[in-house]
Structures are given as C-alpha cells and as structure tokens.
N, C-alpha and C. Protein backbone atom coordinates (compact mmCIF):
# COMPACT_ATOMS: atom_id res chain seq x y z
N UNK A 1 140.47 89.25 112.55
CA UNK A 1 139.16 89.45 113.39
C UNK A 1 138.36 88.80 112.74
N UNK A 2 138.32 89.22 111.62
CA UNK A 2 136.73 88.80 110.65
C UNK A 2 136.91 87.26 110.91
N UNK A 3 137.69 86.29 110.97
CA UNK A 3 137.43 84.84 111.32
C UNK A 3 136.15 83.97 112.40
N UNK A 4 136.84 85.08 113.81
CA UNK A 4 136.55 84.99 114.74
C UNK A 4 135.29 86.18 115.32
N UNK A 5 135.05 86.96 114.00
CA UNK A 5 133.39 87.59 114.13
C UNK A 5 132.32 86.80 113.33
N UNK A 6 133.23 85.62 112.41
CA UNK A 6 131.94 85.23 111.52
C UNK A 6 131.58 83.45 112.80
N UNK A 7 132.22 83.54 112.96
CA UNK A 7 132.10 82.10 114.10
C UNK A 7 130.65 83.19 115.36
N UNK A 8 131.29 84.20 115.80
CA UNK A 8 130.47 84.88 116.87
C UNK A 8 128.87 85.44 116.10
N UNK A 9 128.85 85.87 114.66
CA UNK A 9 127.55 86.10 113.97
C UNK A 9 126.64 84.99 114.26
N UNK A 10 126.99 83.76 113.67
CA UNK A 10 126.02 82.21 114.16
C UNK A 10 125.89 82.52 115.43
N UNK A 11 126.41 82.85 116.21
CA UNK A 11 125.70 82.85 117.63
C UNK A 11 124.59 84.41 118.21
N UNK A 12 124.57 84.64 117.48
CA UNK A 12 123.82 85.91 117.60
C UNK A 12 122.60 86.12 118.96
N UNK A 13 122.06 85.21 118.62
CA UNK A 13 120.56 85.03 118.83
C UNK A 13 121.02 84.30 120.43
N UNK A 14 121.44 83.59 120.48
CA UNK A 14 122.58 83.05 121.96
C UNK A 14 122.98 83.91 122.94
N UNK A 15 123.35 84.85 122.40
CA UNK A 15 124.45 85.74 123.06
C UNK A 15 123.80 86.56 123.57
N UNK A 16 122.24 87.19 122.67
CA UNK A 16 121.05 87.76 123.47
C UNK A 16 120.51 87.14 124.65
N UNK A 17 120.70 86.17 123.97
CA UNK A 17 119.28 85.56 125.43
C UNK A 17 120.50 85.53 126.43
N UNK A 18 121.09 84.84 126.32
CA UNK A 18 122.55 84.52 127.56
C UNK A 18 122.32 85.68 128.38
N UNK A 19 122.41 87.06 128.04
CA UNK A 19 122.04 88.74 128.68
C UNK A 19 120.93 88.67 129.09
N UNK A 20 119.43 88.29 128.61
CA UNK A 20 118.25 88.43 128.95
C UNK A 20 118.09 87.07 129.87
N UNK A 21 118.98 86.18 130.42
CA UNK A 21 118.39 85.21 131.37
C UNK A 21 119.04 86.01 132.57
N UNK A 22 119.95 87.39 132.26
CA UNK A 22 120.34 88.32 133.68
C UNK A 22 119.24 89.13 134.12
N UNK A 23 118.64 90.02 132.92
CA UNK A 23 118.13 91.12 133.55
C UNK A 23 117.31 91.64 132.07
N UNK A 24 116.49 91.75 132.25
CA UNK A 24 115.83 92.89 130.67
C UNK A 24 116.46 93.83 130.65
N UNK A 25 116.57 93.74 130.04
CA UNK A 25 117.62 94.36 128.48
C UNK A 25 116.93 94.85 127.30
N UNK A 26 117.96 95.73 127.09
CA UNK A 26 117.45 97.28 125.43
C UNK A 26 118.75 97.08 124.92
N UNK A 27 118.35 97.02 123.76
CA UNK A 27 119.37 96.77 122.28
C UNK A 27 120.94 97.31 122.42
N UNK A 28 120.79 99.02 123.11
CA UNK A 28 122.36 99.67 123.39
C UNK A 28 123.07 98.87 124.65
N UNK A 29 122.31 98.47 125.40
CA UNK A 29 123.02 98.07 126.53
C UNK A 29 123.55 96.51 126.73
N UNK A 30 122.57 95.83 125.90
CA UNK A 30 122.93 94.47 125.84
C UNK A 30 124.66 95.00 124.12
N UNK A 31 124.55 95.79 123.49
CA UNK A 31 125.81 96.01 122.82
C UNK A 31 126.83 96.26 123.48
N UNK A 32 126.63 97.10 124.57
CA UNK A 32 127.55 97.37 125.50
C UNK A 32 127.95 96.20 126.27
N UNK A 33 127.33 95.59 126.64
CA UNK A 33 127.86 94.52 127.80
C UNK A 33 128.63 93.85 126.98
N UNK A 34 128.48 93.28 125.58
CA UNK A 34 129.21 92.55 124.46
C UNK A 34 130.60 93.35 124.31
N UNK A 35 130.28 94.35 124.58
CA UNK A 35 131.84 95.55 124.59
C UNK A 35 132.95 94.95 125.43
N UNK A 36 132.02 95.24 126.57
CA UNK A 36 132.80 94.78 127.67
C UNK A 36 133.31 94.00 127.96
N UNK A 37 132.58 92.68 127.48
CA UNK A 37 132.90 91.50 127.87
C UNK A 37 134.03 91.03 127.01
N UNK A 38 134.05 91.36 125.52
CA UNK A 38 135.09 90.60 125.20
C UNK A 38 136.60 92.18 124.92
N UNK A 39 136.68 92.74 126.11
CA UNK A 39 137.08 93.58 126.07
C UNK A 39 137.55 94.61 124.87
N UNK A 40 136.35 94.74 124.68
CA UNK A 40 135.93 96.26 123.64
C UNK A 40 136.94 95.64 121.68
N UNK A 41 136.83 93.76 121.89
CA UNK A 41 137.07 93.36 120.68
C UNK A 41 136.36 93.16 119.53
N UNK A 42 134.89 93.10 120.11
CA UNK A 42 133.52 92.94 119.64
C UNK A 42 132.93 93.75 120.03
N UNK A 43 131.65 93.85 118.72
CA UNK A 43 130.33 94.24 118.53
C UNK A 43 129.61 94.17 117.64
N UNK A 44 128.22 94.13 118.10
CA UNK A 44 126.99 93.99 116.72
C UNK A 44 127.12 94.75 115.95
N UNK A 45 126.59 94.51 114.92
CA UNK A 45 126.40 95.99 114.24
C UNK A 45 124.91 96.08 114.88
N UNK A 46 124.37 97.81 114.69
CA UNK A 46 123.04 97.59 114.81
C UNK A 46 121.99 96.78 114.75
N UNK A 47 122.13 96.84 112.61
CA UNK A 47 120.92 96.01 111.86
C UNK A 47 121.17 94.65 112.32
N UNK A 48 122.18 93.76 112.92
CA UNK A 48 122.34 92.73 112.84
C UNK A 48 121.32 92.55 114.37
N UNK A 49 122.16 93.41 115.89
CA UNK A 49 121.45 93.25 116.62
C UNK A 49 119.51 93.45 116.55
N UNK A 50 119.03 94.11 116.01
CA UNK A 50 117.73 94.74 116.18
C UNK A 50 116.67 93.51 115.33
N UNK A 51 117.44 92.99 114.46
CA UNK A 51 117.62 91.87 112.97
C UNK A 51 117.43 90.40 114.03
N UNK A 52 117.98 90.23 114.92
CA UNK A 52 117.68 89.10 116.24
C UNK A 52 116.20 89.20 116.72
N UNK A 53 116.77 90.15 117.63
CA UNK A 53 115.33 90.52 118.17
C UNK A 53 114.06 90.47 117.61
N UNK A 54 113.78 91.20 116.41
CA UNK A 54 112.60 90.48 115.83
C UNK A 54 112.65 88.82 115.42
N UNK A 55 113.50 88.67 114.98
CA UNK A 55 113.47 87.44 114.83
C UNK A 55 113.03 86.25 115.82
N UNK A 56 113.53 86.71 117.02
CA UNK A 56 113.65 86.00 118.70
C UNK A 56 112.19 86.72 119.21
N UNK A 57 111.62 87.76 118.76
CA UNK A 57 110.55 87.96 119.24
C UNK A 57 109.63 87.03 118.38
N UNK A 58 109.50 87.01 117.09
CA UNK A 58 108.27 85.71 115.68
C UNK A 58 108.50 84.63 116.72
N UNK A 59 109.19 84.33 116.85
CA UNK A 59 109.13 83.00 117.21
C UNK A 59 109.15 82.68 118.88
N UNK A 60 108.83 84.15 119.54
CA UNK A 60 108.14 83.47 121.44
C UNK A 60 109.17 83.43 121.63
N UNK A 61 110.51 84.00 121.66
CA UNK A 61 111.59 83.91 122.77
C UNK A 61 111.84 84.91 123.58
N UNK A 62 111.25 85.90 122.52
CA UNK A 62 111.60 87.19 123.44
C UNK A 62 110.22 87.91 123.49
N UNK A 63 109.75 88.96 124.85
CA UNK A 63 109.01 89.93 124.52
C UNK A 63 109.64 91.11 124.46
N UNK A 64 108.60 92.46 124.11
CA UNK A 64 109.26 93.19 124.16
C UNK A 64 108.27 94.36 125.08
N UNK A 65 109.06 96.17 125.83
CA UNK A 65 107.96 96.40 126.62
C UNK A 65 108.74 98.17 126.47
N UNK A 66 107.76 98.87 126.09
CA UNK A 66 108.31 100.02 126.59
C UNK A 66 108.69 100.22 128.10
N UNK A 67 109.67 100.74 128.37
CA UNK A 67 110.47 101.69 129.42
C UNK A 67 109.81 102.51 129.85
N UNK A 68 109.84 103.33 131.22
CA UNK A 68 108.83 104.14 131.48
C UNK A 68 110.34 105.48 132.09
N UNK A 69 111.17 105.72 131.29
CA UNK A 69 111.69 106.94 131.61
C UNK A 69 111.07 108.24 131.39
N UNK A 70 111.95 108.96 131.90
CA UNK A 70 111.03 110.09 132.28
C UNK A 70 112.03 111.28 131.45
N UNK A 71 113.30 111.16 131.20
CA UNK A 71 114.11 111.62 130.31
C UNK A 71 114.57 111.15 128.86
N UNK A 72 115.23 111.40 127.62
CA UNK A 72 115.85 111.20 127.32
C UNK A 72 114.87 110.34 126.30
N UNK A 73 115.06 109.53 124.86
CA UNK A 73 113.85 108.31 124.21
C UNK A 73 113.57 107.50 124.96
N UNK A 74 112.82 107.32 124.74
CA UNK A 74 111.75 106.05 124.76
C UNK A 74 112.63 104.51 124.81
N UNK A 75 112.78 103.61 125.63
CA UNK A 75 113.46 102.60 125.41
C UNK A 75 112.38 101.04 125.11
N UNK A 76 112.64 100.56 124.18
CA UNK A 76 111.90 99.37 124.16
C UNK A 76 112.80 98.20 124.89
N UNK A 77 112.70 97.46 125.92
CA UNK A 77 112.93 96.77 126.69
C UNK A 77 112.74 95.47 126.08
N UNK A 78 113.55 94.04 126.12
CA UNK A 78 113.69 92.75 125.84
C UNK A 78 113.65 91.86 127.14
N UNK A 79 112.49 90.92 127.27
CA UNK A 79 112.78 89.78 128.45
C UNK A 79 112.75 88.50 127.63
N UNK A 80 113.61 87.73 128.27
CA UNK A 80 113.26 86.16 127.50
C UNK A 80 112.14 85.46 128.25
N UNK A 81 111.23 84.64 127.67
CA UNK A 81 110.41 83.90 127.12
C UNK A 81 110.65 82.72 128.05
N UNK A 82 110.10 82.07 128.97
CA UNK A 82 110.20 80.30 128.99
C UNK A 82 110.31 79.50 127.60
N UNK A 83 110.25 79.38 126.13
CA UNK A 83 110.36 79.23 124.57
C UNK A 83 111.86 79.73 124.86
N UNK A 84 112.69 81.16 125.32
CA UNK A 84 113.27 81.57 125.23
C UNK A 84 114.50 80.71 126.07
N UNK A 85 114.38 80.83 127.29
CA UNK A 85 114.81 79.59 128.15
C UNK A 85 115.97 78.43 127.38
N UNK A 86 114.38 77.90 126.96
CA UNK A 86 114.61 76.71 126.36
C UNK A 86 115.67 76.18 124.88
N UNK A 87 115.14 77.56 123.97
CA UNK A 87 115.74 77.40 122.72
C UNK A 87 117.34 77.81 123.51
N UNK A 88 117.73 78.71 124.52
CA UNK A 88 119.19 78.99 124.88
C UNK A 88 119.56 77.72 125.31
N UNK A 89 118.75 77.01 125.93
CA UNK A 89 119.56 75.87 126.42
C UNK A 89 120.65 74.35 125.50
N UNK A 90 119.02 74.32 124.19
CA UNK A 90 119.38 73.74 123.04
C UNK A 90 120.54 74.51 122.43
N UNK A 91 120.06 75.89 122.56
CA UNK A 91 121.54 76.20 121.88
C UNK A 91 123.25 75.79 122.47
N UNK A 92 123.61 76.32 123.66
CA UNK A 92 124.37 75.87 124.70
C UNK A 92 124.82 74.56 124.54
N UNK A 93 123.97 73.60 124.84
CA UNK A 93 124.12 71.78 124.24
C UNK A 93 125.05 72.08 122.81
N UNK A 94 124.13 72.31 121.88
CA UNK A 94 125.26 72.91 120.22
C UNK A 94 126.58 73.42 120.06
N UNK A 95 126.53 74.26 121.09
CA UNK A 95 127.66 75.11 121.20
C UNK A 95 128.86 73.39 121.81
N UNK A 96 128.30 74.17 122.52
CA UNK A 96 129.00 72.75 122.88
C UNK A 96 130.21 71.20 122.77
N UNK A 97 128.79 70.68 121.70
CA UNK A 97 129.41 69.95 121.08
C UNK A 97 130.16 69.67 120.04
N UNK A 98 129.20 71.01 119.05
CA UNK A 98 130.86 71.56 118.17
C UNK A 98 132.19 72.05 118.59
N UNK A 99 131.87 72.05 119.77
CA UNK A 99 133.51 73.45 120.57
C UNK A 99 134.29 71.64 120.90
N UNK A 100 132.99 70.21 120.87
CA UNK A 100 133.95 69.35 121.26
C UNK A 100 134.81 69.09 119.74
N UNK A 101 133.51 68.77 119.01
CA UNK A 101 134.09 68.02 117.74
C UNK A 101 135.30 68.60 116.82
N UNK A 102 135.49 70.67 116.75
CA UNK A 102 136.16 70.80 116.52
C UNK A 102 137.15 70.85 116.76
N UNK A 103 137.88 70.67 118.39
CA UNK A 103 138.84 70.21 119.46
C UNK A 103 139.53 69.10 118.98
N UNK A 104 138.53 68.15 118.38
CA UNK A 104 138.94 66.86 118.28
C UNK A 104 139.86 66.84 116.69
N UNK A 105 138.86 67.53 116.17
CA UNK A 105 139.59 67.97 114.17
C UNK A 105 140.98 67.91 114.57
N UNK A 106 141.00 69.18 115.00
CA UNK A 106 142.44 69.77 115.02
C UNK A 106 143.58 69.67 115.73
N UNK A 107 143.02 69.13 116.98
CA UNK A 107 144.13 68.71 117.93
C UNK A 107 144.96 68.17 116.55
N UNK A 108 146.74 68.21 116.89
CA UNK A 108 147.72 68.05 116.38
C UNK A 108 148.75 67.41 117.24
N UNK A 109 148.54 67.54 118.22
CA UNK A 109 149.18 66.95 119.38
C UNK A 109 150.58 67.71 119.90
N UNK A 110 151.77 67.08 120.47
CA UNK A 110 152.60 68.01 120.78
C UNK A 110 153.36 68.52 119.50
N UNK A 111 153.21 69.66 119.23
CA UNK A 111 154.27 70.36 117.93
C UNK A 111 155.76 70.22 118.09
N UNK A 112 156.31 70.32 119.67
CA UNK A 112 157.52 70.14 119.90
C UNK A 112 158.57 68.57 119.68
N UNK A 113 157.02 67.64 119.80
CA UNK A 113 158.08 66.40 119.72
C UNK A 113 158.86 65.64 118.29
C-alpha cells in the first residue's frame, strides 16, 4: 500500500479541495470522509492534513472560521474560496493528463496472446 500512499500524498490538497467543494468541513470530518471513500484503506496523517490546511489558507485557496458548537471542543471549519475552485480545476486537469500519460506508458497490450 505504500506505493499507492506515495501517489496519493502528492494530491492531498486536491483531495481536501474536492471535499470542501461539497461542504464546509473540519479536519476530523474530512479525514473520516477519506477513510469512508477508500473503504478504510487510506487516511491522512494529522500533521499532513493540517500542514495542507495551512498551505491552502496561506495561498488564499481556503478560509477558516470557528464553529459555534455549544458542547465539546470548538472546531475550526474550512471553506473553499474562488481561487480554491480554480486551483481544484487546474489540479484535476493535470491529474487527468497524468493518468492518460501513465496509461499510455504502461499499456502492454493483451498478455494472453
């Protein structure tokens, strides 16, 4: 699984932005969604997740705000900005192109022939 994790790691910010396109969210909720979508086979390390939040916020791609929970710890929510949506679209296009190129490079035809 380490190879898949290495490939995914380079797309952490895009994964976060994809989640935030659907709804504002906080770190734990995003990580749980990632685990659910991957049938518990992948999760982000907390340090990786929060480092990505800091980079995205510093770049103006997301904004954070404090939730108004009345019980439990306060949560810092994140929402995607217009710049974040643009970045997501660019990253998605780059991913599609990379997938296409990798598929071309590793396609070996029918091995049963």
